[in-house]
PDB file of N, CA and C in Angstrom:
ATOM      1  N   MET A   1      -4.187  16.744  28.627  1.00  0.00           N
ATOM      2  CA  MET A   1      -3.631  15.492  28.181  1.00  0.00           C
ATOM      3  C   MET A   1      -4.339  14.983  26.929  1.00  0.00           C
ATOM      4  N   LYS A   2      -5.667  15.118  26.888  1.00  0.00           N
ATOM      5  CA  LYS A   2      -6.410  14.677  25.711  1.00  0.00           C
ATOM      6  C   LYS A   2      -6.027  15.489  24.479  1.00  0.00           C
ATOM      7  N   LEU A   3      -5.747  16.777  24.675  1.00  0.00           N
ATOM      8  CA  LEU A   3      -5.370  17.635  23.555  1.00  0.00           C
ATOM      9  C   LEU A   3      -4.046  17.167  22.956  1.00  0.00           C
ATOM     10  N   ASN A   4      -3.063  16.828  23.797  1.00  0.00           N
ATOM     11  CA  ASN A   4      -1.787  16.323  23.303  1.00  0.00           C
ATOM     12  C   ASN A   4      -1.969  15.028  22.516  1.00  0.00           C
ATOM     13  N   HIS A   5      -2.819  14.160  23.014  1.00  0.00           N
ATOM     14  CA  HIS A   5      -3.101  12.893  22.328  1.00  0.00           C
ATOM     15  C   HIS A   5      -3.765  13.155  20.978  1.00  0.00           C
ATOM     16  N   LEU A   6      -4.692  14.091  20.935  1.00  0.00           N
ATOM     17  CA  LEU A   6      -5.377  14.439  19.702  1.00  0.00           C
ATOM     18  C   LEU A   6      -4.406  15.033  18.680  1.00  0.00           C
ATOM     19  N   ILE A   7      -3.520  15.904  19.121  1.00  0.00           N
ATOM     20  CA  ILE A   7      -2.525  16.507  18.230  1.00  0.00           C
ATOM     21  C   ILE A   7      -1.608  15.432  17.673  1.00  0.00           C
ATOM     22  N   LEU A   8      -1.148  14.527  18.513  1.00  0.00           N
ATOM     23  CA  LEU A   8      -0.268  13.449  18.089  1.00  0.00           C
ATOM     24  C   LEU A   8      -0.963  12.545  17.068  1.00  0.00           C
ATOM     25  N   CYS A   9      -2.204  12.204  17.308  1.00  0.00           N
ATOM     26  CA  CYS A   9      -2.967  11.372  16.365  1.00  0.00           C
ATOM     27  C   CYS A   9      -3.153  12.082  15.028  1.00  0.00           C
ATOM     28  N   THR A  10      -3.414  13.374  15.080  1.00  0.00           N
ATOM     29  CA  THR A  10      -3.591  14.157  13.859  1.00  0.00           C
ATOM     30  C   THR A  10      -2.307  14.186  13.046  1.00  0.00           C
ATOM     31  N   ILE A  11      -1.176  14.364  13.692  1.00  0.00           N
ATOM     32  CA  ILE A  11       0.116  14.370  12.999  1.00  0.00           C
ATOM     33  C   ILE A  11       0.342  13.034  12.309  1.00  0.00           C
ATOM     34  N   PHE A  12       0.119  11.933  13.013  1.00  0.00           N
ATOM     35  CA  PHE A  12       0.328  10.615  12.422  1.00  0.00           C
ATOM     36  C   PHE A  12      -0.654  10.328  11.297  1.00  0.00           C
ATOM     37  N   PHE A  13      -1.836  10.937  11.336  1.00  0.00           N
ATOM     38  CA  PHE A  13      -2.818  10.744  10.288  1.00  0.00           C
ATOM     39  C   PHE A  13      -2.396  11.459   8.998  1.00  0.00           C
ATOM     40  N   TYR A  14      -1.880  12.680   9.120  1.00  0.00           N
ATOM     41  CA  TYR A  14      -1.530  13.484   7.946  1.00  0.00           C
ATOM     42  C   TYR A  14      -0.099  13.283   7.453  1.00  0.00           C
ATOM     43  N   LEU A  15       0.785  12.791   8.280  1.00  0.00           N
ATOM     44  CA  LEU A  15       2.192  12.637   7.917  1.00  0.00           C
ATOM     45  C   LEU A  15       2.406  11.795   6.661  1.00  0.00           C
ATOM     46  N   PRO A  16       1.731  10.670   6.477  1.00  0.00           N
ATOM     47  CA  PRO A  16       1.960   9.880   5.264  1.00  0.00           C
ATOM     48  C   PRO A  16       1.577  10.593   3.972  1.00  0.00           C
ATOM     49  N   ALA A  17       0.774  11.622   4.031  1.00  0.00           N
ATOM     50  CA  ALA A  17       0.349  12.342   2.826  1.00  0.00           C
ATOM     51  C   ALA A  17       1.277  13.496   2.475  1.00  0.00           C
ATOM     52  N   CYS A  18       2.240  13.777   3.314  1.00  0.00           N
ATOM     53  CA  CYS A  18       3.134  14.919   3.090  1.00  0.00           C
ATOM     54  C   CYS A  18       4.154  14.635   1.992  1.00  0.00           C
ATOM     55  N   THR A  19       4.527  15.698   1.291  1.00  0.00           N
ATOM     56  CA  THR A  19       5.630  15.599   0.340  1.00  0.00           C
ATOM     57  C   THR A  19       6.785  16.420   0.893  1.00  0.00           C
ATOM     58  N   TRP A  20       8.014  15.958   0.617  1.00  0.00           N
ATOM     59  CA  TRP A  20       9.169  16.623   1.201  1.00  0.00           C
ATOM     60  C   TRP A  20      10.173  17.110   0.175  1.00  0.00           C
ATOM     61  N   VAL A  21      10.066  16.673  -1.045  1.00  0.00           N
ATOM     62  CA  VAL A  21      11.009  17.081  -2.080  1.00  0.00           C
ATOM     63  C   VAL A  21      10.503  18.373  -2.696  1.00  0.00           C
ATOM     64  N   GLU A  22      11.367  19.371  -2.786  1.00  0.00           N
ATOM     65  CA  GLU A  22      10.964  20.655  -3.339  1.00  0.00           C
ATOM     66  C   GLU A  22      11.470  20.806  -4.765  1.00  0.00           C
ATOM     67  N   THR A  23      10.625  21.352  -5.613  1.00  0.00           N
ATOM     68  CA  THR A  23      10.994  21.589  -7.002  1.00  0.00           C
ATOM     69  C   THR A  23      11.935  22.777  -7.091  1.00  0.00           C
ATOM     70  N   THR A  24      13.020  22.607  -7.847  1.00  0.00           N
ATOM     71  CA  THR A  24      13.910  23.730  -8.102  1.00  0.00           C
ATOM     72  C   THR A  24      13.293  24.593  -9.199  1.00  0.00           C
ATOM     73  N   LYS A  25      13.811  25.792  -9.356  1.00  0.00           N
ATOM     74  CA  LYS A  25      13.321  26.688 -10.404  1.00  0.00           C
ATOM     75  C   LYS A  25      13.471  26.022 -11.771  1.00  0.00           C
ATOM     76  N   GLU A  26      14.630  25.401 -11.999  1.00  0.00           N
ATOM     77  CA  GLU A  26      14.888  24.740 -13.281  1.00  0.00           C
ATOM     78  C   GLU A  26      14.034  23.481 -13.424  1.00  0.00           C
ATOM     79  N   GLY A  27      13.872  22.742 -12.327  1.00  0.00           N
ATOM     80  CA  GLY A  27      13.083  21.513 -12.349  1.00  0.00           C
ATOM     81  C   GLY A  27      11.621  21.751 -12.680  1.00  0.00           C
ATOM     82  N   SER A  28      11.120  22.928 -12.347  1.00  0.00           N
ATOM     83  CA  SER A  28       9.714  23.239 -12.634  1.00  0.00           C
ATOM     84  C   SER A  28       9.450  23.378 -14.130  1.00  0.00           C
ATOM     85  N   LYS A  29      10.509  23.500 -14.920  1.00  0.00           N
ATOM     86  CA  LYS A  29      10.363  23.640 -16.372  1.00  0.00           C
ATOM     87  C   LYS A  29      10.419  22.296 -17.098  1.00  0.00           C
ATOM     88  N   VAL A  30      10.662  21.216 -16.360  1.00  0.00           N
ATOM     89  CA  VAL A  30      10.761  19.879 -16.948  1.00  0.00           C
ATOM     90  C   VAL A  30       9.379  19.235 -16.930  1.00  0.00           C
ATOM     91  N   ALA A  31       9.036  18.537 -18.028  1.00  0.00           N
ATOM     92  CA  ALA A  31       7.723  17.911 -18.162  1.00  0.00           C
ATOM     93  C   ALA A  31       7.828  16.393 -18.014  1.00  0.00           C
ATOM     94  N   LEU A  32       6.864  15.810 -17.326  1.00  0.00           N
ATOM     95  CA  LEU A  32       6.707  14.363 -17.280  1.00  0.00           C
ATOM     96  C   LEU A  32       5.820  14.001 -18.463  1.00  0.00           C
ATOM     97  N   VAL A  33       6.341  13.207 -19.403  1.00  0.00           N
ATOM     98  CA  VAL A  33       5.609  12.877 -20.616  1.00  0.00           C
ATOM     99  C   VAL A  33       5.597  11.371 -20.834  1.00  0.00           C
ATOM    100  N   LYS A  34       4.779  10.934 -21.767  1.00  0.00           N
ATOM    101  CA  LYS A  34       4.729   9.522 -22.178  1.00  0.00           C
ATOM    102  C   LYS A  34       5.816   9.277 -23.220  1.00  0.00           C
ATOM    103  N   SER A  35       6.181   8.033 -23.400  1.00  0.00           N
ATOM    104  CA  SER A  35       7.287   7.693 -24.299  1.00  0.00           C
ATOM    105  C   SER A  35       7.039   8.103 -25.745  1.00  0.00           C
ATOM    106  N   PHE A  36       5.789   8.106 -26.191  1.00  0.00           N
ATOM    107  CA  PHE A  36       5.523   8.490 -27.580  1.00  0.00           C
ATOM    108  C   PHE A  36       5.732   9.988 -27.822  1.00  0.00           C
ATOM    109  N   ASN A  37       5.866  10.777 -26.761  1.00  0.00           N
ATOM    110  CA  ASN A  37       6.090  12.215 -26.896  1.00  0.00           C
ATOM    111  C   ASN A  37       7.556  12.581 -27.111  1.00  0.00           C
ATOM    112  N   VAL A  38       8.460  11.612 -27.012  1.00  0.00           N
ATOM    113  CA  VAL A  38       9.884  11.922 -27.111  1.00  0.00           C
ATOM    114  C   VAL A  38      10.537  11.286 -28.344  1.00  0.00           C
ATOM    115  N   ASN A  39       9.725  10.952 -29.343  1.00  0.00           N
ATOM    116  CA  ASN A  39      10.251  10.318 -30.558  1.00  0.00           C
ATOM    117  C   ASN A  39      11.297  11.177 -31.264  1.00  0.00           C
ATOM    118  N   ASN A  40      11.146  12.481 -31.248  1.00  0.00           N
ATOM    119  CA  ASN A  40      12.074  13.385 -31.936  1.00  0.00           C
ATOM    120  C   ASN A  40      12.993  14.124 -30.963  1.00  0.00           C
ATOM    121  N   CYS A  41      13.269  13.507 -29.827  1.00  0.00           N
ATOM    122  CA  CYS A  41      14.086  14.137 -28.788  1.00  0.00           C
ATOM    123  C   CYS A  41      15.409  13.393 -28.628  1.00  0.00           C
ATOM    124  N   SER A  42      16.352  14.047 -28.002  1.00  0.00           N
ATOM    125  CA  SER A  42      17.647  13.425 -27.712  1.00  0.00           C
ATOM    126  C   SER A  42      17.636  12.887 -26.288  1.00  0.00           C
ATOM    127  N   LYS A  43      17.974  11.612 -26.141  1.00  0.00           N
ATOM    128  CA  LYS A  43      18.057  11.019 -24.805  1.00  0.00           C
ATOM    129  C   LYS A  43      19.383  11.424 -24.174  1.00  0.00           C
ATOM    130  N   LEU A  44      19.291  11.995 -22.968  1.00  0.00           N
ATOM    131  CA  LEU A  44      20.488  12.440 -22.257  1.00  0.00           C
ATOM    132  C   LEU A  44      20.982  11.412 -21.248  1.00  0.00           C
ATOM    133  N   GLY A  45      20.101  10.532 -20.826  1.00  0.00           N
ATOM    134  CA  GLY A  45      20.495   9.530 -19.846  1.00  0.00           C
ATOM    135  C   GLY A  45      19.309   9.049 -19.038  1.00  0.00           C
ATOM    136  N   THR A  46      19.636   8.421 -17.925  1.00  0.00           N
ATOM    137  CA  THR A  46      18.629   7.853 -17.032  1.00  0.00           C
ATOM    138  C   THR A  46      18.951   8.282 -15.605  1.00  0.00           C
ATOM    139  N   THR A  47      17.933   8.464 -14.809  1.00  0.00           N
ATOM    140  CA  THR A  47      18.140   8.735 -13.396  1.00  0.00           C
ATOM    141  C   THR A  47      17.306   7.769 -12.572  1.00  0.00           C
ATOM    142  N   ASN A  48      17.880   7.322 -11.487  1.00  0.00           N
ATOM    143  CA  ASN A  48      17.187   6.479 -10.518  1.00  0.00           C
ATOM    144  C   ASN A  48      16.983   7.326  -9.272  1.00  0.00           C
ATOM    145  N   VAL A  49      15.737   7.505  -8.880  1.00  0.00           N
ATOM    146  CA  VAL A  49      15.444   8.340  -7.721  1.00  0.00           C
ATOM    147  C   VAL A  49      14.812   7.498  -6.620  1.00  0.00           C
ATOM    148  N   THR A  50      15.073   7.908  -5.391  1.00  0.00           N
ATOM    149  CA  THR A  50      14.552   7.206  -4.223  1.00  0.00           C
ATOM    150  C   THR A  50      14.049   8.238  -3.217  1.00  0.00           C
ATOM    151  N   VAL A  51      12.890   7.979  -2.654  1.00  0.00           N
ATOM    152  CA  VAL A  51      12.345   8.835  -1.599  1.00  0.00           C
ATOM    153  C   VAL A  51      11.843   7.945  -0.466  1.00  0.00           C
ATOM    154  N   THR A  52      11.607   8.546   0.676  1.00  0.00           N
ATOM    155  CA  THR A  52      11.093   7.817   1.827  1.00  0.00           C
ATOM    156  C   THR A  52       9.674   7.355   1.545  1.00  0.00           C
ATOM    157  N   HIS A  53       9.435   6.060   1.690  1.00  0.00           N
ATOM    158  CA  HIS A  53       8.080   5.551   1.484  1.00  0.00           C
ATOM    159  C   HIS A  53       7.465   5.017   2.778  1.00  0.00           C
ATOM    160  N   LYS A  54       8.288   4.901   3.812  1.00  0.00           N
ATOM    161  CA  LYS A  54       7.787   4.478   5.121  1.00  0.00           C
ATOM    162  C   LYS A  54       8.372   5.389   6.188  1.00  0.00           C
ATOM    163  N   ILE A  55       7.547   5.699   7.174  1.00  0.00           N
ATOM    164  CA  ILE A  55       7.979   6.484   8.329  1.00  0.00           C
ATOM    165  C   ILE A  55       7.645   5.637   9.547  1.00  0.00           C
ATOM    166  N   GLY A  56       8.643   4.950  10.056  1.00  0.00           N
ATOM    167  CA  GLY A  56       8.384   4.026  11.157  1.00  0.00           C
ATOM    168  C   GLY A  56       7.467   2.919  10.677  1.00  0.00           C
ATOM    169  N   ILE A  57       6.323   2.782  11.333  1.00  0.00           N
ATOM    170  CA  ILE A  57       5.359   1.753  10.939  1.00  0.00           C
ATOM    171  C   ILE A  57       4.347   2.266   9.914  1.00  0.00           C
ATOM    172  N   LEU A  58       4.403   3.558   9.628  1.00  0.00           N
ATOM    173  CA  LEU A  58       3.457   4.158   8.690  1.00  0.00           C
ATOM    174  C   LEU A  58       3.992   4.099   7.259  1.00  0.00           C
ATOM    175  N   THR A  59       3.139   3.728   6.342  1.00  0.00           N
ATOM    176  CA  THR A  59       3.487   3.743   4.923  1.00  0.00           C
ATOM    177  C   THR A  59       2.879   4.992   4.312  1.00  0.00           C
ATOM    178  N   ARG A  60       3.706   5.756   3.586  1.00  0.00           N
ATOM    179  CA  ARG A  60       3.214   6.986   2.954  1.00  0.00           C
ATOM    180  C   ARG A  60       2.232   6.649   1.840  1.00  0.00           C
ATOM    181  N   GLU A  61       1.344   7.580   1.557  1.00  0.00           N
ATOM    182  CA  GLU A  61       0.383   7.405   0.479  1.00  0.00           C
ATOM    183  C   GLU A  61       1.119   7.301  -0.853  1.00  0.00           C
ATOM    184  N   ASP A  62       0.634   6.424  -1.729  1.00  0.00           N
ATOM    185  CA  ASP A  62       1.263   6.212  -3.031  1.00  0.00           C
ATOM    186  C   ASP A  62       1.372   7.507  -3.830  1.00  0.00           C
ATOM    187  N   GLU A  63       0.340   8.332  -3.771  1.00  0.00           N
ATOM    188  CA  GLU A  63       0.341   9.589  -4.522  1.00  0.00           C
ATOM    189  C   GLU A  63       1.442  10.535  -4.040  1.00  0.00           C
ATOM    190  N   ALA A  64       1.650  10.614  -2.733  1.00  0.00           N
ATOM    191  CA  ALA A  64       2.689  11.484  -2.187  1.00  0.00           C
ATOM    192  C   ALA A  64       4.077  10.975  -2.564  1.00  0.00           C
ATOM    193  N   VAL A  65       4.272   9.660  -2.516  1.00  0.00           N
ATOM    194  CA  VAL A  65       5.555   9.069  -2.913  1.00  0.00           C
ATOM    195  C   VAL A  65       5.817   9.349  -4.387  1.00  0.00           C
ATOM    196  N   MET A  66       4.810   9.118  -5.222  1.00  0.00           N
ATOM    197  CA  MET A  66       4.959   9.353  -6.663  1.00  0.00           C
ATOM    198  C   MET A  66       5.274  10.818  -6.946  1.00  0.00           C
ATOM    199  N   GLN A  67       4.592  11.718  -6.266  1.00  0.00           N
ATOM    200  CA  GLN A  67       4.833  13.154  -6.467  1.00  0.00           C
ATOM    201  C   GLN A  67       6.281  13.506  -6.119  1.00  0.00           C
ATOM    202  N   ASP A  68       6.790  12.991  -5.020  1.00  0.00           N
ATOM    203  CA  ASP A  68       8.179  13.256  -4.639  1.00  0.00           C
ATOM    204  C   ASP A  68       9.160  12.668  -5.652  1.00  0.00           C
ATOM    205  N   LEU A  69       8.878  11.464  -6.155  1.00  0.00           N
ATOM    206  CA  LEU A  69       9.750  10.837  -7.145  1.00  0.00           C
ATOM    207  C   LEU A  69       9.817  11.659  -8.424  1.00  0.00           C
ATOM    208  N   VAL A  70       8.671  12.126  -8.885  1.00  0.00           N
ATOM    209  CA  VAL A  70       8.625  12.934 -10.111  1.00  0.00           C
ATOM    210  C   VAL A  70       9.383  14.245  -9.903  1.00  0.00           C
ATOM    211  N   ILE A  71       9.187  14.892  -8.771  1.00  0.00           N
ATOM    212  CA  ILE A  71       9.892  16.151  -8.495  1.00  0.00           C
ATOM    213  C   ILE A  71      11.400  15.922  -8.482  1.00  0.00           C
ATOM    214  N   ALA A  72      11.837  14.859  -7.809  1.00  0.00           N
ATOM    215  CA  ALA A  72      13.274  14.557  -7.756  1.00  0.00           C
ATOM    216  C   ALA A  72      13.823  14.278  -9.151  1.00  0.00           C
ATOM    217  N   ALA A  73      13.066  13.558  -9.963  1.00  0.00           N
ATOM    218  CA  ALA A  73      13.507  13.253 -11.335  1.00  0.00           C
ATOM    219  C   ALA A  73      13.553  14.517 -12.190  1.00  0.00           C
ATOM    220  N   LYS A  74      12.574  15.398 -12.037  1.00  0.00           N
ATOM    221  CA  LYS A  74      12.577  16.657 -12.783  1.00  0.00           C
ATOM    222  C   LYS A  74      13.773  17.517 -12.401  1.00  0.00           C
ATOM    223  N   ASN A  75      14.082  17.579 -11.112  1.00  0.00           N
ATOM    224  CA  ASN A  75      15.241  18.348 -10.658  1.00  0.00           C
ATOM    225  C   ASN A  75      16.529  17.783 -11.249  1.00  0.00           C
ATOM    226  N   ARG A  76      16.650  16.467 -11.265  1.00  0.00           N
ATOM    227  CA  ARG A  76      17.845  15.824 -11.819  1.00  0.00           C
ATOM    228  C   ARG A  76      17.930  16.063 -13.321  1.00  0.00           C
ATOM    229  N   ALA A  77      16.801  15.981 -14.019  1.00  0.00           N
ATOM    230  CA  ALA A  77      16.785  16.223 -15.466  1.00  0.00           C
ATOM    231  C   ALA A  77      17.241  17.641 -15.776  1.00  0.00           C
ATOM    232  N   ALA A  78      16.796  18.594 -14.990  1.00  0.00           N
ATOM    233  CA  ALA A  78      17.203  19.988 -15.196  1.00  0.00           C
ATOM    234  C   ALA A  78      18.709  20.138 -15.010  1.00  0.00           C
ATOM    235  N   GLU A  79      19.274  19.451 -14.022  1.00  0.00           N
ATOM    236  CA  GLU A  79      20.723  19.490 -13.799  1.00  0.00           C
ATOM    237  C   GLU A  79      21.484  18.951 -15.012  1.00  0.00           C
ATOM    238  N   MET A  80      20.883  17.987 -15.719  1.00  0.00           N
ATOM    239  CA  MET A  80      21.527  17.363 -16.877  1.00  0.00           C
ATOM    240  C   MET A  80      21.218  18.096 -18.181  1.00  0.00           C
ATOM    241  N   GLY A  81      20.416  19.147 -18.109  1.00  0.00           N
ATOM    242  CA  GLY A  81      20.067  19.905 -19.307  1.00  0.00           C
ATOM    243  C   GLY A  81      18.845  19.385 -20.042  1.00  0.00           C
ATOM    244  N   GLY A  82      18.096  18.507 -19.408  1.00  0.00           N
ATOM    245  CA  GLY A  82      16.894  17.943 -20.025  1.00  0.00           C
ATOM    246  C   GLY A  82      15.670  18.799 -19.794  1.00  0.00           C
ATOM    247  N   ASP A  83      14.648  18.546 -20.611  1.00  0.00           N
ATOM    248  CA  ASP A  83      13.381  19.263 -20.438  1.00  0.00           C
ATOM    249  C   ASP A  83      12.180  18.327 -20.363  1.00  0.00           C
ATOM    250  N   SER A  84      12.445  17.012 -20.465  1.00  0.00           N
ATOM    251  CA  SER A  84      11.363  16.022 -20.402  1.00  0.00           C
ATOM    252  C   SER A  84      11.861  14.757 -19.720  1.00  0.00           C
ATOM    253  N   ILE A  85      10.961  14.106 -18.983  1.00  0.00           N
ATOM    254  CA  ILE A  85      11.274  12.819 -18.378  1.00  0.00           C
ATOM    255  C   ILE A  85      10.169  11.827 -18.719  1.00  0.00           C
ATOM    256  N   VAL A  86      10.572  10.551 -18.806  1.00  0.00           N
ATOM    257  CA  VAL A  86       9.631   9.460 -19.061  1.00  0.00           C
ATOM    258  C   VAL A  86       9.868   8.390 -18.006  1.00  0.00           C
ATOM    259  N   ALA A  87       8.818   7.986 -17.315  1.00  0.00           N
ATOM    260  CA  ALA A  87       8.937   6.929 -16.312  1.00  0.00           C
ATOM    261  C   ALA A  87       9.246   5.612 -17.014  1.00  0.00           C
ATOM    262  N   LYS A  88      10.224   4.874 -16.493  1.00  0.00           N
ATOM    263  CA  LYS A  88      10.635   3.610 -17.090  1.00  0.00           C
ATOM    264  C   LYS A  88       9.936   2.409 -16.476  1.00  0.00           C
ATOM    265  N   GLU A  89       9.530   2.536 -15.242  1.00  0.00           N
ATOM    266  CA  GLU A  89       8.984   1.396 -14.513  1.00  0.00           C
ATOM    267  C   GLU A  89       8.086   1.898 -13.392  1.00  0.00           C
ATOM    268  N   PRO A  90       7.294   1.013 -12.807  1.00  0.00           N
ATOM    269  CA  PRO A  90       6.454   1.433 -11.679  1.00  0.00           C
ATOM    270  C   PRO A  90       7.285   1.652 -10.414  1.00  0.00           C
ATOM    271  N   VAL A  91       6.687   2.310  -9.454  1.00  0.00           N
ATOM    272  CA  VAL A  91       7.331   2.575  -8.165  1.00  0.00           C
ATOM    273  C   VAL A  91       7.461   1.271  -7.382  1.00  0.00           C
ATOM    274  N   VAL A  92       8.652   1.040  -6.824  1.00  0.00           N
ATOM    275  CA  VAL A  92       8.879  -0.110  -5.953  1.00  0.00           C
ATOM    276  C   VAL A  92       9.626   0.373  -4.718  1.00  0.00           C
ATOM    277  N   ASP A  93       8.981   0.296  -3.572  1.00  0.00           N
ATOM    278  CA  ASP A  93       9.601   0.679  -2.295  1.00  0.00           C
ATOM    279  C   ASP A  93      10.225   2.069  -2.341  1.00  0.00           C
ATOM    280  N   GLY A  94       9.535   3.018  -2.933  1.00  0.00           N
ATOM    281  CA  GLY A  94      10.011   4.394  -2.976  1.00  0.00           C
ATOM    282  C   GLY A  94      11.115   4.639  -3.985  1.00  0.00           C
ATOM    283  N   LYS A  95      11.286   3.734  -4.950  1.00  0.00           N
ATOM    284  CA  LYS A  95      12.325   3.871  -5.975  1.00  0.00           C
ATOM    285  C   LYS A  95      11.687   3.820  -7.357  1.00  0.00           C
ATOM    286  N   MET A  96      12.281   4.584  -8.289  1.00  0.00           N
ATOM    287  CA  MET A  96      11.765   4.622  -9.653  1.00  0.00           C
ATOM    288  C   MET A  96      12.850   5.132 -10.588  1.00  0.00           C
ATOM    289  N   SER A  97      12.816   4.687 -11.838  1.00  0.00           N
ATOM    290  CA  SER A  97      13.771   5.129 -12.855  1.00  0.00           C
ATOM    291  C   SER A  97      13.049   5.955 -13.913  1.00  0.00           C
ATOM    292  N   PHE A  98      13.751   6.965 -14.406  1.00  0.00           N
ATOM    293  CA  PHE A  98      13.226   7.842 -15.442  1.00  0.00           C
ATOM    294  C   PHE A  98      14.290   8.050 -16.517  1.00  0.00           C
ATOM    295  N   ASP A  99      13.867   8.070 -17.787  1.00  0.00           N
ATOM    296  CA  ASP A  99      14.746   8.480 -18.862  1.00  0.00           C
ATOM    297  C   ASP A  99      14.638   9.984 -18.985  1.00  0.00           C
ATOM    298  N   ILE A 100      15.749  10.631 -19.307  1.00  0.00           N
ATOM    299  CA  ILE A 100      15.798  12.090 -19.422  1.00  0.00           C
ATOM    300  C   ILE A 100      16.064  12.470 -20.875  1.00  0.00           C
ATOM    301  N   PHE A 101      15.257  13.402 -21.373  1.00  0.00           N
ATOM    302  CA  PHE A 101      15.346  13.822 -22.772  1.00  0.00           C
ATOM    303  C   PHE A 101      15.465  15.332 -22.909  1.00  0.00           C
ATOM    304  N   LYS A 102      16.049  15.744 -24.010  1.00  0.00           N
ATOM    305  CA  LYS A 102      16.094  17.154 -24.424  1.00  0.00           C
ATOM    306  C   LYS A 102      15.274  17.230 -25.702  1.00  0.00           C
ATOM    307  N   CYS A 103      14.127  17.894 -25.640  1.00  0.00           N
ATOM    308  CA  CYS A 103      13.230  17.952 -26.795  1.00  0.00           C
ATOM    309  C   CYS A 103      13.243  19.310 -27.489  1.00  0.00           C
ATOM    310  N   SER A 104      13.472  20.379 -26.739  1.00  0.00           N
ATOM    311  CA  SER A 104      13.488  21.704 -27.358  1.00  0.00           C
ATOM    312  C   SER A 104      14.885  22.015 -27.864  1.00  0.00           C
ATOM    313  N   GLN A 105      14.949  22.877 -28.857  1.00  0.00           N
ATOM    314  CA  GLN A 105      16.253  23.229 -29.446  1.00  0.00           C
ATOM    315  C   GLN A 105      16.881  24.395 -28.764  1.00  0.00           C
TER     316      GLN A 105
END
């Protein structure tokens, strides 16, 4: 019985640090950059991404949420033909907006 309790506690301890969004092959080629890096690039659009930031009463770690948001934005940018993304605003409740750019010719 103690072992089951220990396993359950361990799961709840590590669960908020997990990431669940997987990078696509194309998304792995997209770069997260600062706005000054896209001065000579073409803006393709904007994407709003949302990921789970709470699991029941547990709040996921900010770093894990941010990592999932960036991965989701990179995947979306790749779908749109972009190669760079720029964060537009800070994370709020697991939501964030990114501008998508095409910088390479």
